Amino acid sequence: MFSYIKGKLAEKTKDYVVIDVSGVGFKIYTSANSLADPSLSKGETVTFHTYMYIKEGIMDLYGFSTKEELSLFELLITVSGVGAKGAVAVLSVASPSKLGLCIVSDDAATIKKANGIGPKTAQRICLELKDKIKNEDIIPSGTDAFVASDTISSGGARADAIGALVVLGYTSQEAQRAVGAVKEDFDDAESYIKQALKNLI
């Protein structure tokens, strides 16, 4: 119904924001990730990319500060057992790009940190969205973290993992420390990334 809503931030709580558009207040449920956006100051003009959630008599407006977060929200609610509130809980765990990386690397342990998301649901999210995530713009282009293991030599897997984490927004020092802390030896970057994320998120 609404692609986005732009107006002045009238109210901000731990679960939603109210945006005033020409005297009409839109209540938009959102994630902790979007609420942490430093530009969200009361009285300032903000833009939220929105989704009208209608189900069994419920009609709520959900919105996020970035299109990437909205895209991931739309994917999450397609998973059986994950409603709008569950999707928002998952999005509150980490940034969309980092969550996308968790999904494609089967890091269900990070996803189940979300309130109301159990181990089975977290695994289902990884299973059902892995291929879809790769086709979205959630993980930045140039992140070649998921190349087949037989194309990566053992010596270069750690370096590839560090490079992928840097592309995702971690500093080089953070990435090197996290990958260096992985005690096991793997032949593929994906395994290093999965282990390193446990030290970063």
N, C-alpha and C. Protein backbone atom coordinates (compact mmCIF):
# COMPACT_ATOMS: atom_id res chain seq x y z
N MET A 1 0.82 -1.20 0.00
CA MET A 1 0.00 0.00 0.00
C MET A 1 0.87 1.26 0.00
N PHE A 2 1.88 1.30 0.92
CA PHE A 2 2.80 2.43 0.98
C PHE A 2 4.21 1.92 0.68
N SER A 3 4.89 2.55 -0.25
CA SER A 3 6.26 2.17 -0.54
C SER A 3 7.19 2.73 0.54
N TYR A 4 6.96 3.97 0.90
CA TYR A 4 7.72 4.58 1.98
C TYR A 4 6.91 5.74 2.56
N ILE A 5 7.26 6.14 3.77
CA ILE A 5 6.61 7.28 4.42
C ILE A 5 7.69 8.23 4.89
N LYS A 6 7.54 9.49 4.49
CA LYS A 6 8.51 10.51 4.84
C LYS A 6 7.80 11.63 5.60
N GLY A 7 8.32 11.96 6.75
CA GLY A 7 7.71 13.02 7.54
C GLY A 7 8.55 13.30 8.78
N LYS A 8 8.00 14.06 9.71
CA LYS A 8 8.73 14.40 10.93
C LYS A 8 8.52 13.33 12.00
N LEU A 9 9.59 12.97 12.66
CA LEU A 9 9.51 11.98 13.73
C LEU A 9 8.83 12.61 14.95
N ALA A 10 7.63 12.12 15.26
CA ALA A 10 6.86 12.67 16.38
C ALA A 10 7.09 11.90 17.67
N GLU A 11 7.38 10.59 17.54
CA GLU A 11 7.54 9.75 18.73
C GLU A 11 8.41 8.54 18.39
N LYS A 12 9.19 8.11 19.37
CA LYS A 12 10.03 6.92 19.21
C LYS A 12 9.98 6.10 20.49
N THR A 13 9.58 4.83 20.38
CA THR A 13 9.56 3.93 21.54
C THR A 13 10.48 2.75 21.24
N LYS A 14 10.48 1.75 22.10
CA LYS A 14 11.34 0.59 21.88
C LYS A 14 10.80 -0.34 20.81
N ASP A 15 9.55 -0.14 20.38
CA ASP A 15 8.94 -1.02 19.39
C ASP A 15 8.51 -0.33 18.10
N TYR A 16 8.26 0.95 18.16
CA TYR A 16 7.73 1.64 16.98
C TYR A 16 8.07 3.12 16.98
N VAL A 17 7.81 3.74 15.82
CA VAL A 17 7.96 5.18 15.70
C VAL A 17 6.63 5.74 15.20
N VAL A 18 6.41 7.01 15.44
CA VAL A 18 5.25 7.70 14.88
C VAL A 18 5.78 8.82 14.01
N ILE A 19 5.40 8.79 12.74
CA ILE A 19 5.85 9.80 11.79
C ILE A 19 4.68 10.70 11.42
N ASP A 20 4.85 11.98 11.60
CA ASP A 20 3.82 12.97 11.30
C ASP A 20 3.96 13.42 9.84
N VAL A 21 2.92 13.12 9.06
CA VAL A 21 2.89 13.55 7.66
C VAL A 21 1.68 14.47 7.48
N SER A 22 1.95 15.76 7.42
CA SER A 22 0.89 16.77 7.25
C SER A 22 -0.24 16.61 8.27
N GLY A 23 0.12 16.38 9.52
CA GLY A 23 -0.87 16.28 10.58
C GLY A 23 -1.43 14.89 10.82
N VAL A 24 -1.01 13.92 10.03
CA VAL A 24 -1.45 12.53 10.22
C VAL A 24 -0.29 11.72 10.78
N GLY A 25 -0.52 11.08 11.92
CA GLY A 25 0.53 10.30 12.55
C GLY A 25 0.49 8.84 12.15
N PHE A 26 1.54 8.36 11.50
CA PHE A 26 1.63 6.95 11.09
C PHE A 26 2.45 6.18 12.13
N LYS A 27 1.81 5.17 12.74
CA LYS A 27 2.50 4.32 13.71
C LYS A 27 3.16 3.18 12.95
N ILE A 28 4.48 3.13 13.01
CA ILE A 28 5.24 2.16 12.25
C ILE A 28 6.09 1.30 13.18
N TYR A 29 5.78 0.00 13.20
CA TYR A 29 6.57 -0.94 13.99
C TYR A 29 7.90 -1.17 13.28
N THR A 30 8.97 -1.23 14.06
CA THR A 30 10.29 -1.36 13.44
C THR A 30 11.24 -2.14 14.34
N SER A 31 12.46 -2.30 13.89
CA SER A 31 13.44 -3.11 14.61
C SER A 31 14.37 -2.24 15.46
N ALA A 32 15.08 -2.89 16.36
CA ALA A 32 16.06 -2.19 17.19
C ALA A 32 17.17 -1.63 16.30
N ASN A 33 17.44 -2.33 15.20
CA ASN A 33 18.47 -1.88 14.27
C ASN A 33 18.11 -0.53 13.66
N SER A 34 16.86 -0.38 13.22
CA SER A 34 16.41 0.89 12.64
C SER A 34 16.31 1.97 13.72
N LEU A 35 15.86 1.59 14.91
CA LEU A 35 15.71 2.56 16.00
C LEU A 35 17.06 3.13 16.45
N ALA A 36 18.12 2.36 16.18
CA ALA A 36 19.45 2.80 16.58
C ALA A 36 20.06 3.78 15.58
N ASP A 37 19.37 4.01 14.47
CA ASP A 37 19.86 4.95 13.46
C ASP A 37 20.06 6.33 14.11
N PRO A 38 21.28 6.87 14.07
CA PRO A 38 21.55 8.15 14.72
C PRO A 38 20.76 9.34 14.15
N SER A 39 20.20 9.18 12.96
CA SER A 39 19.45 10.29 12.36
C SER A 39 18.02 10.38 12.90
N LEU A 40 17.60 9.39 13.70
CA LEU A 40 16.24 9.40 14.25
C LEU A 40 16.14 10.30 15.47
N SER A 41 15.97 11.56 15.22
CA SER A 41 15.81 12.54 16.30
C SER A 41 14.42 13.15 16.21
N LYS A 42 13.79 13.32 17.35
CA LYS A 42 12.43 13.87 17.37
C LYS A 42 12.38 15.23 16.70
N GLY A 43 11.42 15.38 15.80
CA GLY A 43 11.27 16.63 15.08
C GLY A 43 11.98 16.68 13.75
N GLU A 44 12.90 15.71 13.54
CA GLU A 44 13.65 15.66 12.28
C GLU A 44 12.84 14.94 11.20
N THR A 45 13.11 15.26 9.94
CA THR A 45 12.45 14.58 8.83
C THR A 45 13.13 13.24 8.58
N VAL A 46 12.34 12.18 8.59
CA VAL A 46 12.88 10.83 8.40
C VAL A 46 12.09 10.10 7.32
N THR A 47 12.69 9.05 6.79
CA THR A 47 12.03 8.22 5.78
C THR A 47 12.07 6.76 6.22
N PHE A 48 10.91 6.11 6.19
CA PHE A 48 10.84 4.68 6.51
C PHE A 48 10.26 3.94 5.32
N HIS A 49 10.94 2.87 4.92
CA HIS A 49 10.47 2.00 3.84
C HIS A 49 9.50 1.00 4.47
N THR A 50 8.29 0.98 3.98
CA THR A 50 7.22 0.31 4.71
C THR A 50 6.60 -0.93 4.06
N TYR A 51 5.91 -1.68 4.90
CA TYR A 51 5.19 -2.89 4.48
C TYR A 51 3.90 -2.97 5.30
N MET A 52 2.77 -3.05 4.63
CA MET A 52 1.49 -3.19 5.32
C MET A 52 1.22 -4.67 5.57
N TYR A 53 1.23 -5.06 6.84
CA TYR A 53 1.05 -6.46 7.21
C TYR A 53 -0.42 -6.71 7.56
N ILE A 54 -1.07 -7.53 6.76
CA ILE A 54 -2.49 -7.84 6.97
C ILE A 54 -2.65 -9.35 7.11
N LYS A 55 -3.18 -9.77 8.27
CA LYS A 55 -3.36 -11.21 8.50
C LYS A 55 -4.37 -11.42 9.61
N GLU A 56 -5.41 -12.19 9.31
CA GLU A 56 -6.41 -12.58 10.30
C GLU A 56 -6.92 -11.39 11.12
N GLY A 57 -7.34 -10.37 10.44
CA GLY A 57 -7.91 -9.22 11.12
C GLY A 57 -6.90 -8.21 11.63
N ILE A 58 -5.62 -8.54 11.51
CA ILE A 58 -4.56 -7.63 11.95
C ILE A 58 -4.11 -6.78 10.76
N MET A 59 -3.99 -5.49 10.97
CA MET A 59 -3.48 -4.61 9.92
C MET A 59 -2.50 -3.63 10.56
N ASP A 60 -1.23 -3.97 10.48
CA ASP A 60 -0.19 -3.15 11.08
C ASP A 60 0.79 -2.67 10.02
N LEU A 61 1.38 -1.54 10.28
CA LEU A 61 2.37 -0.98 9.36
C LEU A 61 3.76 -1.20 9.93
N TYR A 62 4.62 -1.84 9.14
CA TYR A 62 6.01 -2.07 9.53
C TYR A 62 6.91 -1.26 8.61
N GLY A 63 7.99 -0.76 9.14
CA GLY A 63 8.88 0.04 8.31
C GLY A 63 10.30 0.04 8.84
N PHE A 64 11.23 0.35 7.95
CA PHE A 64 12.64 0.29 8.31
C PHE A 64 13.41 1.43 7.66
N SER A 65 14.53 1.77 8.23
CA SER A 65 15.29 2.92 7.76
C SER A 65 16.04 2.65 6.45
N THR A 66 16.19 1.36 6.07
CA THR A 66 16.87 1.04 4.82
C THR A 66 16.05 0.04 4.01
N LYS A 67 16.25 0.07 2.70
CA LYS A 67 15.56 -0.87 1.82
C LYS A 67 16.05 -2.30 2.05
N GLU A 68 17.32 -2.43 2.43
CA GLU A 68 17.88 -3.77 2.69
C GLU A 68 17.16 -4.45 3.85
N GLU A 69 16.87 -3.68 4.88
CA GLU A 69 16.18 -4.26 6.03
C GLU A 69 14.75 -4.63 5.66
N LEU A 70 14.09 -3.80 4.87
CA LEU A 70 12.74 -4.12 4.41
C LEU A 70 12.75 -5.39 3.56
N SER A 71 13.72 -5.53 2.68
CA SER A 71 13.82 -6.71 1.81
C SER A 71 13.97 -7.97 2.64
N LEU A 72 14.80 -7.91 3.68
CA LEU A 72 15.01 -9.08 4.53
C LEU A 72 13.75 -9.38 5.34
N PHE A 73 13.06 -8.34 5.78
CA PHE A 73 11.79 -8.52 6.50
C PHE A 73 10.80 -9.27 5.61
N GLU A 74 10.69 -8.86 4.35
CA GLU A 74 9.75 -9.50 3.42
C GLU A 74 10.10 -10.95 3.17
N LEU A 75 11.39 -11.28 3.21
CA LEU A 75 11.81 -12.67 3.05
C LEU A 75 11.51 -13.48 4.32
N LEU A 76 11.79 -12.89 5.46
CA LEU A 76 11.60 -13.60 6.73
C LEU A 76 10.14 -13.99 6.97
N ILE A 77 9.20 -13.12 6.61
CA ILE A 77 7.79 -13.45 6.88
C ILE A 77 7.25 -14.52 5.94
N THR A 78 8.04 -14.92 4.95
CA THR A 78 7.62 -16.03 4.07
C THR A 78 7.95 -17.38 4.70
N VAL A 79 8.77 -17.37 5.74
CA VAL A 79 9.17 -18.62 6.40
C VAL A 79 8.07 -19.07 7.36
N SER A 80 7.71 -20.33 7.28
CA SER A 80 6.68 -20.89 8.14
C SER A 80 7.05 -20.72 9.61
N GLY A 81 6.13 -20.16 10.39
CA GLY A 81 6.37 -19.99 11.81
C GLY A 81 7.01 -18.66 12.17
N VAL A 82 7.31 -17.85 11.16
CA VAL A 82 7.90 -16.52 11.42
C VAL A 82 6.91 -15.45 10.97
N GLY A 83 6.26 -14.81 11.93
CA GLY A 83 5.34 -13.73 11.59
C GLY A 83 6.08 -12.40 11.55
N ALA A 84 5.32 -11.33 11.49
CA ALA A 84 5.93 -10.00 11.41
C ALA A 84 6.75 -9.68 12.67
N LYS A 85 6.21 -10.03 13.84
CA LYS A 85 6.93 -9.74 15.08
C LYS A 85 8.21 -10.56 15.17
N GLY A 86 8.14 -11.82 14.71
CA GLY A 86 9.33 -12.66 14.72
C GLY A 86 10.39 -12.13 13.78
N ALA A 87 9.95 -11.64 12.62
CA ALA A 87 10.88 -11.08 11.65
C ALA A 87 11.58 -9.85 12.22
N VAL A 88 10.83 -9.01 12.91
CA VAL A 88 11.41 -7.81 13.52
C VAL A 88 12.41 -8.21 14.60
N ALA A 89 12.10 -9.26 15.35
CA ALA A 89 13.01 -9.74 16.39
C ALA A 89 14.34 -10.19 15.79
N VAL A 90 14.26 -10.90 14.66
CA VAL A 90 15.48 -11.35 13.98
C VAL A 90 16.27 -10.14 13.48
N LEU A 91 15.58 -9.17 12.91
CA LEU A 91 16.25 -7.98 12.38
C LEU A 91 16.88 -7.14 13.48
N SER A 92 16.47 -7.36 14.72
CA SER A 92 17.02 -6.61 15.84
C SER A 92 18.33 -7.21 16.35
N VAL A 93 18.67 -8.39 15.85
CA VAL A 93 19.89 -9.07 16.31
C VAL A 93 21.15 -8.45 15.70
N ALA A 94 21.08 -8.10 14.41
CA ALA A 94 22.25 -7.55 13.72
C ALA A 94 21.79 -6.82 12.47
N SER A 95 22.74 -6.23 11.76
CA SER A 95 22.42 -5.51 10.53
C SER A 95 21.97 -6.50 9.45
N PRO A 96 21.23 -6.04 8.43
CA PRO A 96 20.77 -6.94 7.37
C PRO A 96 21.90 -7.69 6.69
N SER A 97 23.01 -7.02 6.40
CA SER A 97 24.11 -7.69 5.70
C SER A 97 24.73 -8.80 6.56
N LYS A 98 24.85 -8.54 7.86
CA LYS A 98 25.43 -9.56 8.75
C LYS A 98 24.45 -10.72 8.95
N LEU A 99 23.16 -10.41 9.02
CA LEU A 99 22.17 -11.48 9.13
C LEU A 99 22.13 -12.31 7.85
N GLY A 100 22.26 -11.63 6.71
CA GLY A 100 22.29 -12.34 5.44
C GLY A 100 23.45 -13.31 5.39
N LEU A 101 24.59 -12.89 5.89
CA LEU A 101 25.76 -13.75 5.92
C LEU A 101 25.54 -14.92 6.86
N CYS A 102 24.88 -14.67 7.99
CA CYS A 102 24.56 -15.75 8.94
C CYS A 102 23.67 -16.80 8.28
N ILE A 103 22.70 -16.33 7.50
CA ILE A 103 21.75 -17.24 6.86
C ILE A 103 22.44 -18.13 5.83
N VAL A 104 23.24 -17.52 4.96
CA VAL A 104 23.87 -18.32 3.91
C VAL A 104 24.98 -19.21 4.45
N SER A 105 25.49 -18.92 5.64
CA SER A 105 26.53 -19.76 6.24
C SER A 105 25.96 -20.69 7.31
N ASP A 106 24.60 -20.79 7.35
CA ASP A 106 23.92 -21.70 8.29
C ASP A 106 24.25 -21.41 9.75
N ASP A 107 24.42 -20.15 10.08
CA ASP A 107 24.71 -19.77 11.47
C ASP A 107 23.39 -19.56 12.23
N ALA A 108 22.69 -20.67 12.49
CA ALA A 108 21.41 -20.61 13.19
C ALA A 108 21.57 -20.14 14.63
N ALA A 109 22.75 -20.35 15.20
CA ALA A 109 23.00 -19.97 16.60
C ALA A 109 22.82 -18.47 16.80
N THR A 110 23.26 -17.68 15.84
CA THR A 110 23.10 -16.22 15.95
C THR A 110 21.65 -15.83 15.79
N ILE A 111 20.97 -16.44 14.83
CA ILE A 111 19.57 -16.10 14.56
C ILE A 111 18.66 -16.43 15.73
N LYS A 112 18.95 -17.52 16.42
CA LYS A 112 18.07 -17.92 17.53
C LYS A 112 18.24 -17.03 18.76
N LYS A 113 19.14 -16.06 18.69
CA LYS A 113 19.27 -15.08 19.77
C LYS A 113 18.07 -14.14 19.79
N ALA A 114 17.33 -14.10 18.67
CA ALA A 114 16.15 -13.23 18.58
C ALA A 114 15.06 -13.73 19.51
N ASN A 115 14.36 -12.82 20.14
CA ASN A 115 13.27 -13.17 21.05
C ASN A 115 12.18 -13.94 20.31
N GLY A 116 11.80 -15.09 20.86
CA GLY A 116 10.72 -15.87 20.28
C GLY A 116 11.13 -16.79 19.14
N ILE A 117 12.41 -16.80 18.80
CA ILE A 117 12.90 -17.65 17.72
C ILE A 117 13.68 -18.82 18.32
N GLY A 118 13.14 -20.02 18.18
CA GLY A 118 13.79 -21.21 18.72
C GLY A 118 14.77 -21.82 17.72
N PRO A 119 15.49 -22.86 18.16
CA PRO A 119 16.49 -23.51 17.30
C PRO A 119 15.92 -24.03 15.97
N LYS A 120 14.75 -24.66 16.03
CA LYS A 120 14.16 -25.23 14.81
C LYS A 120 13.76 -24.13 13.83
N THR A 121 13.20 -23.05 14.35
CA THR A 121 12.79 -21.95 13.48
C THR A 121 14.02 -21.28 12.88
N ALA A 122 15.07 -21.13 13.67
CA ALA A 122 16.31 -20.52 13.18
C ALA A 122 16.90 -21.36 12.05
N GLN A 123 16.89 -22.68 12.22
CA GLN A 123 17.40 -23.58 11.18
C GLN A 123 16.54 -23.50 9.93
N ARG A 124 15.21 -23.37 10.14
CA ARG A 124 14.30 -23.27 8.99
C ARG A 124 14.55 -21.99 8.20
N ILE A 125 14.84 -20.92 8.91
CA ILE A 125 15.15 -19.65 8.25
C ILE A 125 16.37 -19.80 7.35
N CYS A 126 17.40 -20.44 7.87
CA CYS A 126 18.61 -20.66 7.08
C CYS A 126 18.32 -21.54 5.87
N LEU A 127 17.58 -22.60 6.09
CA LEU A 127 17.30 -23.56 5.02
C LEU A 127 16.46 -22.95 3.91
N GLU A 128 15.41 -22.22 4.29
CA GLU A 128 14.47 -21.70 3.30
C GLU A 128 14.95 -20.42 2.60
N LEU A 129 15.81 -19.66 3.27
CA LEU A 129 16.20 -18.36 2.70
C LEU A 129 17.61 -18.32 2.12
N LYS A 130 18.37 -19.38 2.31
CA LYS A 130 19.76 -19.36 1.86
C LYS A 130 19.90 -18.96 0.39
N ASP A 131 19.17 -19.65 -0.49
CA ASP A 131 19.27 -19.35 -1.92
C ASP A 131 18.65 -18.01 -2.27
N LYS A 132 17.57 -17.64 -1.57
CA LYS A 132 16.90 -16.36 -1.86
C LYS A 132 17.79 -15.18 -1.47
N ILE A 133 18.50 -15.33 -0.34
CA ILE A 133 19.38 -14.26 0.13
C ILE A 133 20.46 -13.96 -0.90
N LYS A 134 20.99 -15.00 -1.53
CA LYS A 134 22.06 -14.82 -2.51
C LYS A 134 21.60 -14.02 -3.71
N ASN A 135 20.30 -14.03 -3.97
CA ASN A 135 19.76 -13.31 -5.12
C ASN A 135 19.29 -11.90 -4.78
N GLU A 136 19.42 -11.52 -3.51
CA GLU A 136 19.00 -10.19 -3.08
C GLU A 136 20.22 -9.28 -2.94
N ASP A 137 19.98 -8.00 -2.73
CA ASP A 137 21.07 -7.03 -2.53
C ASP A 137 21.35 -6.81 -1.06
N ILE A 138 21.01 -7.81 -0.24
CA ILE A 138 21.20 -7.67 1.20
C ILE A 138 22.68 -7.81 1.56
N ILE A 139 23.33 -8.80 0.96
CA ILE A 139 24.77 -8.96 1.16
C ILE A 139 25.46 -8.14 0.08
N PRO A 140 26.33 -7.20 0.42
CA PRO A 140 26.95 -6.32 -0.55
C PRO A 140 27.63 -7.07 -1.67
N SER A 141 27.51 -6.54 -2.89
CA SER A 141 28.16 -7.16 -4.03
C SER A 141 29.67 -7.12 -3.80
N GLY A 142 30.35 -8.14 -4.27
CA GLY A 142 31.79 -8.22 -4.06
C GLY A 142 32.14 -9.12 -2.89
N THR A 143 31.14 -9.57 -2.15
CA THR A 143 31.38 -10.49 -1.05
C THR A 143 31.42 -11.90 -1.61
N ASP A 144 32.61 -12.36 -1.94
CA ASP A 144 32.74 -13.67 -2.57
C ASP A 144 33.05 -14.71 -1.50
N ALA A 145 32.22 -14.70 -0.45
CA ALA A 145 32.48 -15.56 0.71
C ALA A 145 31.97 -16.97 0.51
N PHE A 146 31.15 -17.17 -0.52
CA PHE A 146 30.47 -18.45 -0.62
C PHE A 146 30.85 -19.21 -1.88
N VAL A 147 32.07 -18.96 -2.35
CA VAL A 147 32.58 -19.71 -3.49
C VAL A 147 32.78 -21.15 -3.06
N ALA A 148 32.59 -22.08 -3.97
CA ALA A 148 32.71 -23.51 -3.66
C ALA A 148 34.07 -23.81 -3.04
N SER A 149 34.06 -24.70 -2.06
CA SER A 149 35.28 -24.97 -1.30
C SER A 149 36.39 -25.51 -2.17
N ASP A 150 36.07 -26.23 -3.26
CA ASP A 150 37.13 -26.82 -4.07
C ASP A 150 37.86 -25.78 -4.92
N THR A 151 37.37 -24.53 -4.91
CA THR A 151 38.04 -23.47 -5.67
C THR A 151 38.92 -22.62 -4.78
N ILE A 152 38.93 -22.93 -3.48
CA ILE A 152 39.75 -22.16 -2.54
C ILE A 152 40.81 -23.07 -1.94
N SER A 153 42.02 -22.65 -2.02
CA SER A 153 43.07 -23.45 -1.41
C SER A 153 43.02 -23.25 0.09
N SER A 154 43.55 -24.21 0.82
CA SER A 154 43.51 -24.14 2.27
C SER A 154 44.21 -22.89 2.78
N GLY A 155 45.31 -22.52 2.12
CA GLY A 155 46.07 -21.37 2.57
C GLY A 155 45.35 -20.05 2.39
N GLY A 156 44.43 -19.98 1.43
CA GLY A 156 43.78 -18.72 1.15
C GLY A 156 42.41 -18.56 1.78
N ALA A 157 41.90 -19.59 2.41
CA ALA A 157 40.55 -19.56 2.96
C ALA A 157 40.41 -18.51 4.07
N ARG A 158 41.39 -18.43 4.95
CA ARG A 158 41.33 -17.44 6.03
C ARG A 158 41.35 -16.02 5.47
N ALA A 159 42.20 -15.79 4.48
CA ALA A 159 42.29 -14.46 3.88
C ALA A 159 40.98 -14.08 3.20
N ASP A 160 40.37 -15.05 2.52
CA ASP A 160 39.08 -14.78 1.86
C ASP A 160 38.01 -14.45 2.89
N ALA A 161 38.04 -15.15 4.02
CA ALA A 161 37.06 -14.91 5.07
C ALA A 161 37.25 -13.52 5.66
N ILE A 162 38.48 -13.12 5.87
CA ILE A 162 38.77 -11.79 6.41
C ILE A 162 38.28 -10.71 5.44
N GLY A 163 38.56 -10.92 4.14
CA GLY A 163 38.12 -9.97 3.13
C GLY A 163 36.61 -9.82 3.09
N ALA A 164 35.90 -10.94 3.23
CA ALA A 164 34.43 -10.90 3.20
C ALA A 164 33.88 -10.14 4.40
N LEU A 165 34.49 -10.35 5.56
CA LEU A 165 34.02 -9.66 6.77
C LEU A 165 34.28 -8.15 6.69
N VAL A 166 35.37 -7.78 6.06
CA VAL A 166 35.67 -6.35 5.88
C VAL A 166 34.64 -5.70 4.97
N VAL A 167 34.26 -6.40 3.91
CA VAL A 167 33.24 -5.89 2.99
C VAL A 167 31.92 -5.69 3.72
N LEU A 168 31.65 -6.53 4.71
CA LEU A 168 30.41 -6.46 5.46
C LEU A 168 30.40 -5.34 6.52
N GLY A 169 31.52 -4.64 6.65
CA GLY A 169 31.51 -3.50 7.56
C GLY A 169 32.42 -3.61 8.77
N TYR A 170 33.03 -4.78 8.98
CA TYR A 170 33.95 -4.92 10.10
C TYR A 170 35.29 -4.29 9.71
N THR A 171 36.03 -3.81 10.71
CA THR A 171 37.35 -3.27 10.41
C THR A 171 38.28 -4.44 10.12
N SER A 172 39.37 -4.12 9.45
CA SER A 172 40.34 -5.16 9.11
C SER A 172 40.87 -5.83 10.37
N GLN A 173 41.09 -5.01 11.41
CA GLN A 173 41.61 -5.54 12.67
C GLN A 173 40.60 -6.49 13.32
N GLU A 174 39.31 -6.10 13.31
CA GLU A 174 38.27 -6.95 13.90
C GLU A 174 38.17 -8.27 13.14
N ALA A 175 38.21 -8.18 11.83
CA ALA A 175 38.08 -9.38 11.00
C ALA A 175 39.27 -10.32 11.21
N GLN A 176 40.47 -9.75 11.24
CA GLN A 176 41.67 -10.58 11.43
C GLN A 176 41.66 -11.24 12.81
N ARG A 177 41.24 -10.49 13.82
CA ARG A 177 41.20 -11.03 15.17
C ARG A 177 40.19 -12.18 15.28
N ALA A 178 39.00 -11.97 14.66
CA ALA A 178 37.94 -12.97 14.74
C ALA A 178 38.31 -14.24 13.99
N VAL A 179 38.86 -14.09 12.79
CA VAL A 179 39.24 -15.27 12.00
C VAL A 179 40.46 -15.95 12.62
N GLY A 180 41.36 -15.14 13.15
CA GLY A 180 42.55 -15.70 13.79
C GLY A 180 42.22 -16.50 15.04
N ALA A 181 41.10 -16.18 15.67
CA ALA A 181 40.69 -16.87 16.89
C ALA A 181 40.08 -18.24 16.61
N VAL A 182 39.79 -18.51 15.34
CA VAL A 182 39.23 -19.82 14.97
C VAL A 182 40.35 -20.86 15.03
N LYS A 183 40.21 -21.83 15.92
CA LYS A 183 41.27 -22.81 16.14
C LYS A 183 41.32 -23.90 15.07
N GLU A 184 40.12 -24.25 14.55
CA GLU A 184 40.07 -25.31 13.56
C GLU A 184 40.65 -24.85 12.22
N ASP A 185 41.07 -25.82 11.42
CA ASP A 185 41.53 -25.54 10.06
C ASP A 185 40.49 -26.01 9.07
N PHE A 186 40.06 -25.11 8.19
CA PHE A 186 39.04 -25.44 7.19
C PHE A 186 39.61 -25.21 5.79
N ASP A 187 38.97 -25.86 4.83
CA ASP A 187 39.37 -25.69 3.43
C ASP A 187 38.58 -24.60 2.72
N ASP A 188 37.53 -24.10 3.37
CA ASP A 188 36.68 -23.11 2.72
C ASP A 188 36.47 -21.89 3.60
N ALA A 189 36.29 -20.74 2.96
CA ALA A 189 36.11 -19.48 3.68
C ALA A 189 34.81 -19.46 4.46
N GLU A 190 33.77 -20.12 3.91
CA GLU A 190 32.46 -20.11 4.56
C GLU A 190 32.53 -20.63 5.99
N SER A 191 33.29 -21.68 6.22
CA SER A 191 33.40 -22.26 7.56
C SER A 191 34.10 -21.30 8.52
N TYR A 192 35.13 -20.61 8.02
CA TYR A 192 35.82 -19.63 8.86
C TYR A 192 34.89 -18.48 9.22
N ILE A 193 34.10 -18.03 8.23
CA ILE A 193 33.18 -16.92 8.47
C ILE A 193 32.15 -17.31 9.52
N LYS A 194 31.61 -18.51 9.41
CA LYS A 194 30.60 -18.99 10.35
C LYS A 194 31.13 -18.98 11.77
N GLN A 195 32.37 -19.45 11.96
CA GLN A 195 32.96 -19.48 13.29
C GLN A 195 33.34 -18.07 13.77
N ALA A 196 33.86 -17.26 12.85
CA ALA A 196 34.31 -15.92 13.22
C ALA A 196 33.14 -15.04 13.65
N LEU A 197 31.98 -15.23 13.02
CA LEU A 197 30.80 -14.42 13.35
C LEU A 197 30.38 -14.61 14.80
N LYS A 198 30.64 -15.78 15.36
CA LYS A 198 30.29 -16.03 16.75
C LYS A 198 31.09 -15.13 17.68
N ASN A 199 32.25 -14.69 17.23
CA ASN A 199 33.10 -13.82 18.03
C ASN A 199 32.79 -12.34 17.79
N LEU A 200 32.05 -12.07 16.71
CA LEU A 200 31.81 -10.68 16.32
C LEU A 200 30.42 -10.19 16.65
N ILE A 201 29.40 -11.05 16.60
CA ILE A 201 28.02 -10.63 16.80
C ILE A 201 27.56 -10.90 18.22
